[in-house]
């Protein structure tokens, strides 16, 4: 069964000079994408600021990283052009499938390089970016990230962040609320005229950390016509696990969260957002190449019709509504 995966961090490996065709100690490689029956993979340019970009020097460093990572992504598209093709719309994904190619969708994790300039969103769009996570784990010009402090977690979007949501709606860029504060989430829910996405998040009712979504948030994503892409990180799945290292992600834990997402948001609001190559959990199925083992478990739990929705149809429908045909 085909899979649309809404988030991975493999571009970091490209930035380091490694190549998708031949990656070995990674969740994703060209061979693994094909073996795992990936229909479309969202590749995120994650900007690793590890602190607020609150000086010209820090911002310049973030921009330099973004530009270099983007060029590395373009390099890999060119090197893998016979088996991997960019997609800007769902129509592109379906065309690539007919041609026997995996689709690559470019996304951004942390809008820090927008730096208060709305025209930079247009530049993102021209580069092929089709989804943007408004924040990562640090404050930026758009708003504030999730936070274990309830007062910080309640902070909303800044005026520029609201402008970005409106402009993303106009351009056809998906608004990604993973990593965003809960206050910012509700500002997106009130402001966005299109569906919005939590590309790689889990259920707070099952694992009570601020990075996860409450039931009310899950319902709000569903009401917008958007989807929640389930994250495979063990620390987001199980309440007794907080360490990113030396942790194990069991298929049964993912099924537990998928069951909750379906119960709360309905069968139309659930998708997959692995966070491959951005997490250090040991995965029961190994890597992207073995992900049909997860699909088999989803089939057993939900049946074929709902399994198809979870693995790819919901994501394709939401993306089509956001990006256009």
Protein backbone atom coordinates (compact mmCIF):
# COMPACT_ATOMS: atom_id res chain seq x y z
CA UNK A 1 0.00 0.00 0.00
CA UNK A 2 1.36 3.40 -1.00
CA UNK A 3 2.49 5.91 1.63
CA UNK A 4 2.54 9.70 1.72
CA UNK A 5 4.90 10.80 4.50
CA UNK A 6 4.45 14.40 5.62
CA UNK A 7 7.84 14.95 7.28
CA UNK A 8 11.46 13.83 7.27
CA UNK A 9 14.77 15.56 8.01
CA UNK A 10 16.96 13.76 5.46
CA UNK A 11 17.95 17.02 3.77
CA UNK A 12 20.37 17.47 6.69
CA UNK A 13 22.28 14.48 5.30
CA UNK A 14 22.36 16.08 1.84
CA UNK A 15 23.70 19.27 3.41
CA UNK A 16 26.55 17.22 4.89
CA UNK A 17 27.47 16.01 1.40
CA UNK A 18 25.81 12.59 1.50
CA UNK A 19 23.67 11.28 -1.34
CA UNK A 20 20.15 9.82 -1.25
CA UNK A 21 21.21 7.01 -3.59
CA UNK A 22 23.46 5.02 -1.30
CA UNK A 23 22.61 6.36 2.16
CA UNK A 24 23.06 3.43 4.54
CA UNK A 25 22.84 4.41 8.24
CA UNK A 26 19.68 6.43 7.72
CA UNK A 27 15.94 5.92 7.80
CA UNK A 28 15.62 7.04 4.19
CA UNK A 29 17.53 6.30 1.02
CA UNK A 30 16.42 6.02 -2.59
CA UNK A 31 16.24 2.23 -2.36
CA UNK A 32 14.37 2.38 0.96
CA UNK A 33 11.80 4.83 -0.42
CA UNK A 34 11.05 2.44 -3.27
CA UNK A 35 11.08 -0.71 -1.14
CA UNK A 36 8.75 0.94 1.38
CA UNK A 37 6.30 1.85 -1.43
CA UNK A 38 6.53 5.58 -0.79
CA UNK A 39 4.27 7.50 -3.12
CA UNK A 40 5.39 10.94 -1.90
CA UNK A 41 7.95 12.03 0.67
CA UNK A 42 7.95 15.51 2.18
CA UNK A 43 11.56 16.63 2.62
CA UNK A 44 11.93 19.42 5.17
CA UNK A 45 14.63 22.05 5.22
CA UNK A 46 15.10 22.15 8.98
CA UNK A 47 16.97 25.29 10.05
CA UNK A 48 18.93 24.28 13.19
CA UNK A 49 19.20 27.61 14.99
CA UNK A 50 19.14 26.02 18.49
CA UNK A 51 18.25 29.43 19.88
CA UNK A 52 16.45 32.59 18.81
CA UNK A 53 17.93 34.18 15.68
CA UNK A 54 17.81 37.51 17.48
CA UNK A 55 20.90 39.15 16.01
CA UNK A 56 21.89 39.95 12.41
CA UNK A 57 24.73 37.45 12.70
CA UNK A 58 22.49 34.58 13.83
CA UNK A 59 19.94 35.37 11.15
CA UNK A 60 22.64 35.48 8.49
CA UNK A 61 23.78 32.05 9.64
CA UNK A 62 20.23 30.68 9.40
CA UNK A 63 19.86 32.05 5.89
CA UNK A 64 23.21 30.64 4.81
CA UNK A 65 22.22 27.22 6.10
CA UNK A 66 18.83 27.41 4.35
CA UNK A 67 20.42 28.35 1.03
CA UNK A 68 23.03 25.60 1.23
CA UNK A 69 20.44 22.98 2.23
CA UNK A 70 18.20 24.04 -0.64
CA UNK A 71 21.03 23.66 -3.13
CA UNK A 72 21.88 20.24 -1.69
CA UNK A 73 18.24 19.18 -2.15
CA UNK A 74 18.30 20.38 -5.77
CA UNK A 75 21.50 18.44 -6.32
CA UNK A 76 19.87 15.23 -5.10
CA UNK A 77 16.83 15.75 -7.32
CA UNK A 78 19.15 16.05 -10.32
CA UNK A 79 21.23 13.00 -9.34
CA UNK A 80 18.12 10.84 -8.77
CA UNK A 81 15.99 12.21 -11.62
CA UNK A 82 15.35 8.77 -13.12
CA UNK A 83 13.69 7.53 -9.89
CA UNK A 84 12.72 10.63 -7.87
CA UNK A 85 10.86 13.69 -9.13
CA UNK A 86 9.74 16.96 -7.53
CA UNK A 87 6.04 17.60 -7.01
CA UNK A 88 4.33 20.95 -6.61
CA UNK A 89 0.77 19.63 -6.75
CA UNK A 90 -1.11 16.38 -6.24
CA UNK A 91 -1.40 16.12 -10.02
CA UNK A 92 2.41 16.02 -10.12
CA UNK A 93 2.43 13.21 -7.55
CA UNK A 94 0.02 11.13 -9.61
CA UNK A 95 1.95 11.80 -12.81
CA UNK A 96 5.22 10.80 -11.16
CA UNK A 97 3.58 7.60 -9.94
CA UNK A 98 2.52 6.74 -13.48
CA UNK A 99 6.12 7.25 -14.56
CA UNK A 100 7.37 4.93 -11.83
CA UNK A 101 8.96 7.66 -9.71
CA UNK A 102 8.75 8.62 -6.05
CA UNK A 103 7.59 12.22 -5.52
CA UNK A 104 9.53 14.71 -3.41
CA UNK A 105 7.72 17.68 -1.84
CA UNK A 106 9.85 20.44 -0.38
CA UNK A 107 8.84 21.82 3.01
CA UNK A 108 10.38 24.11 5.64
CA UNK A 109 10.63 23.43 9.37
CA UNK A 110 10.87 26.83 11.09
CA UNK A 111 10.02 30.07 9.27
CA UNK A 112 12.93 31.84 10.94
CA UNK A 113 14.48 32.98 7.65
CA UNK A 114 11.29 34.87 6.73
CA UNK A 115 12.47 37.40 9.34
CA UNK A 116 9.41 39.62 9.12
CA UNK A 117 9.48 39.93 5.32
CA UNK A 118 6.35 38.68 3.60
CA UNK A 119 8.09 38.70 0.22
CA UNK A 120 10.28 35.84 1.47
CA UNK A 121 7.20 33.61 1.42
CA UNK A 122 6.89 34.28 -2.29
CA UNK A 123 10.55 33.30 -2.62
CA UNK A 124 9.81 30.05 -0.77
CA UNK A 125 6.98 29.36 -3.21
CA UNK A 126 9.16 30.03 -6.24
CA UNK A 127 11.72 27.58 -4.86
CA UNK A 128 9.02 24.90 -4.72
CA UNK A 129 8.24 25.00 -0.99
CA UNK A 130 4.70 23.76 -0.40
CA UNK A 131 4.48 23.49 3.40
CA UNK A 132 5.97 25.59 6.20
CA UNK A 133 6.09 24.81 9.93
CA UNK A 134 5.71 28.28 11.39
CA UNK A 135 8.15 27.62 14.25
CA UNK A 136 10.55 25.00 15.47
CA UNK A 137 11.54 25.11 19.14
CA UNK A 138 12.47 28.80 19.34
CA UNK A 139 10.66 32.08 19.05
CA UNK A 140 10.87 33.72 15.62
CA UNK A 141 9.22 36.60 13.78
CA UNK A 142 6.00 34.59 13.33
CA UNK A 143 5.36 33.41 16.84
CA UNK A 144 6.31 31.05 19.63
CA UNK A 145 6.95 27.31 19.90
CA UNK A 146 5.29 24.77 22.15
CA UNK A 147 6.49 25.04 25.72
CA UNK A 148 6.08 23.10 28.94
CA UNK A 149 5.34 26.37 30.73
CA UNK A 150 1.55 26.89 30.34
CA UNK A 151 1.93 30.67 30.08
CA UNK A 152 4.50 30.37 27.28
CA UNK A 153 2.47 27.65 25.59
CA UNK A 154 -0.54 30.00 25.50
CA UNK A 155 1.30 32.71 23.55
CA UNK A 156 -0.27 33.37 20.13
CA UNK A 157 1.03 34.33 16.72
CA UNK A 158 2.64 37.69 16.21
CA UNK A 159 1.07 40.08 13.65
CA UNK A 160 3.59 38.93 11.04
CA UNK A 161 2.64 35.32 11.73
CA UNK A 162 -1.02 36.10 11.05
CA UNK A 163 -0.01 37.83 7.81
CA UNK A 164 2.00 34.75 6.83
CA UNK A 165 -0.98 32.44 7.37
CA UNK A 166 -3.11 34.62 5.09
CA UNK A 167 -0.39 34.82 2.44
CA UNK A 168 0.24 31.08 2.57
CA UNK A 169 -3.46 30.55 1.93
CA UNK A 170 -3.23 32.84 -1.11
CA UNK A 171 -0.11 31.21 -2.52
CA UNK A 172 -1.06 27.60 -1.86
CA UNK A 173 1.45 26.72 0.85
CA UNK A 174 0.29 24.43 3.65
CA UNK A 175 0.39 25.88 7.17
CA UNK A 176 2.09 23.34 9.46
CA UNK A 177 1.33 23.69 13.19
CA UNK A 178 3.66 20.98 14.51
CA UNK A 179 6.04 22.59 17.05
CA UNK A 180 3.78 25.64 17.37
CA UNK A 181 2.51 26.95 20.73
CA UNK A 182 -1.12 26.12 21.54
CA UNK A 183 -1.97 29.83 21.43
CA UNK A 184 -0.43 30.03 17.97
CA UNK A 185 -2.33 26.91 16.94
CA UNK A 186 -5.65 28.52 17.81
CA UNK A 187 -4.66 31.68 15.93
CA UNK A 188 -4.04 29.52 12.85
CA UNK A 189 -7.40 27.80 13.34
CA UNK A 190 -9.16 31.19 13.48
CA UNK A 191 -7.22 32.78 10.62
CA UNK A 192 -6.67 30.12 7.98
CA UNK A 193 -9.29 29.87 5.26
CA UNK A 194 -7.83 26.59 4.04
CA UNK A 195 -7.14 23.28 5.76
CA UNK A 196 -4.01 23.23 7.88
CA UNK A 197 -1.69 20.39 8.83
CA UNK A 198 0.18 19.05 11.83
CA UNK A 199 2.83 17.26 9.83
CA UNK A 200 4.46 15.22 12.62
CA UNK A 201 2.60 15.20 15.94
CA UNK A 202 1.03 12.74 18.38
CA UNK A 203 -1.81 12.67 20.92
CA UNK A 204 -1.48 14.56 24.19
CA UNK A 205 -4.21 12.46 25.81
CA UNK A 206 -1.88 9.45 25.49
CA UNK A 207 1.44 11.19 26.12
CA UNK A 208 1.10 14.43 28.07
CA UNK A 209 3.80 16.67 26.61
CA UNK A 210 3.32 20.11 25.08
CA UNK A 211 4.68 18.94 21.72
CA UNK A 212 1.57 16.76 21.27
CA UNK A 213 -1.96 17.82 20.32
CA UNK A 214 -4.92 17.94 22.68
CA UNK A 215 -8.19 16.37 21.61
CA UNK A 216 -9.61 19.84 20.95
CA UNK A 217 -6.69 20.59 18.66
CA UNK A 218 -7.13 17.30 16.80
CA UNK A 219 -10.80 18.13 16.27
CA UNK A 220 -9.87 21.62 15.03
CA UNK A 221 -7.46 20.18 12.43
CA UNK A 222 -10.18 17.78 11.34
CA UNK A 223 -12.79 20.55 11.15
CA UNK A 224 -10.48 22.56 8.89
CA UNK A 225 -10.21 19.65 6.47
CA UNK A 226 -6.58 19.13 7.43
CA UNK A 227 -4.67 16.11 8.71
CA UNK A 228 -2.45 15.09 11.60
CA UNK A 229 0.64 13.19 10.46
CA UNK A 230 1.60 10.73 13.20
CA UNK A 231 5.17 11.13 14.47
CA UNK A 232 7.20 7.93 15.05
CA UNK A 233 9.35 9.31 17.90
CA UNK A 234 9.05 7.12 21.00
CA UNK A 235 9.27 10.12 23.32
CA UNK A 236 6.01 11.48 21.85
CA UNK A 237 4.21 8.14 21.98
CA UNK A 238 4.64 6.78 25.48
CA UNK A 239 4.28 8.74 28.73
CA UNK A 240 7.20 7.01 30.46
CA UNK A 241 9.68 7.74 27.66
CA UNK A 242 11.37 11.12 27.55
CA UNK A 243 14.76 10.29 26.04
CA UNK A 244 15.35 10.55 22.31
CA UNK A 245 18.34 8.18 22.53
CA UNK A 246 18.22 4.45 23.24
CA UNK A 247 14.46 4.34 22.81
CA UNK A 248 12.24 1.92 20.91
CA UNK A 249 9.17 2.67 18.84
CA UNK A 250 6.78 -0.26 18.78
CA UNK A 251 4.18 -0.62 16.07
CA UNK A 252 1.60 -1.21 18.80
CA UNK A 253 2.26 2.30 20.19
CA UNK A 254 1.64 3.85 16.77
CA UNK A 255 -1.58 1.88 16.42
CA UNK A 256 -2.65 3.12 19.86
CA UNK A 257 -2.20 6.75 18.76
CA UNK A 258 -3.81 6.14 15.37
CA UNK A 259 -6.80 4.60 17.12
CA UNK A 260 -7.13 7.72 19.28
CA UNK A 261 -6.75 10.07 16.31
CA UNK A 262 -9.51 8.23 14.46
CA UNK A 263 -11.77 8.21 17.53
CA UNK A 264 -11.33 11.96 18.11
CA UNK A 265 -10.84 13.42 14.63
CA UNK A 266 -12.49 10.84 12.41
CA UNK A 267 -11.06 8.71 9.64
CA UNK A 268 -10.51 11.69 7.29
CA UNK A 269 -8.05 13.56 9.54
CA UNK A 270 -5.32 10.96 10.07
CA UNK A 271 -2.07 10.66 8.13
CA UNK A 272 1.58 9.71 8.62
CA UNK A 273 4.47 12.07 9.42
CA UNK A 274 7.38 9.82 10.34
CA UNK A 275 10.08 12.35 11.26
CA UNK A 276 12.53 9.92 9.65
CA UNK A 277 16.16 10.98 10.10
CA UNK A 278 15.05 13.57 12.65
CA UNK A 279 14.50 11.06 15.47
CA UNK A 280 16.86 8.58 17.07
CA UNK A 281 14.29 6.02 18.15
CA UNK A 282 14.90 2.41 17.20
CA UNK A 283 11.95 1.54 14.96
CA UNK A 284 10.38 -1.91 15.13
CA UNK A 285 10.27 -2.04 11.31
CA UNK A 286 13.81 -0.73 10.93
CA UNK A 287 13.50 2.14 8.48
CA UNK A 288 11.51 3.45 5.54
CA UNK A 289 12.26 0.29 3.58
CA UNK A 290 10.43 -1.84 6.13
CA UNK A 291 7.41 0.40 6.64
CA UNK A 292 5.01 -2.01 4.97
CA UNK A 293 5.15 -3.90 8.29
CA UNK A 294 3.46 -0.84 9.81
CA UNK A 295 0.98 -0.78 6.93
CA UNK A 296 0.09 -4.42 7.60
CA UNK A 297 -0.71 -3.56 11.22
CA UNK A 298 -2.84 -0.58 10.12
CA UNK A 299 -4.72 -2.87 7.73
CA UNK A 300 -5.41 -5.40 10.48
CA UNK A 301 -6.62 -2.69 12.86
CA UNK A 302 -8.72 -0.52 10.54
CA UNK A 303 -9.49 -2.44 7.35
CA UNK A 304 -8.50 -1.57 3.80
CA UNK A 305 -10.63 1.53 3.23
CA UNK A 306 -9.50 3.36 6.37
CA UNK A 307 -5.93 2.10 5.99
CA UNK A 308 -5.76 3.67 2.53
CA UNK A 309 -6.98 6.95 4.00
CA UNK A 310 -4.36 6.89 6.74
CA UNK A 311 -1.45 5.87 4.54
CA UNK A 312 -2.02 8.24 1.62
CA UNK A 313 -5.53 9.27 0.59
CA UNK A 314 -6.16 11.76 3.41
CA UNK A 315 -2.83 13.50 2.85
CA UNK A 316 -3.44 13.72 -0.90
CA UNK A 317 -6.92 15.15 -0.38
CA UNK A 318 -5.74 17.78 2.10
CA UNK A 319 -2.78 18.75 -0.08
CA UNK A 320 -5.01 19.09 -3.12
CA UNK A 321 -7.36 21.39 -1.19
CA UNK A 322 -4.43 23.53 -0.05
CA UNK A 323 -2.11 23.53 -3.05
CA UNK A 324 -4.68 23.39 -5.83
CA UNK A 325 -5.02 20.70 -8.48
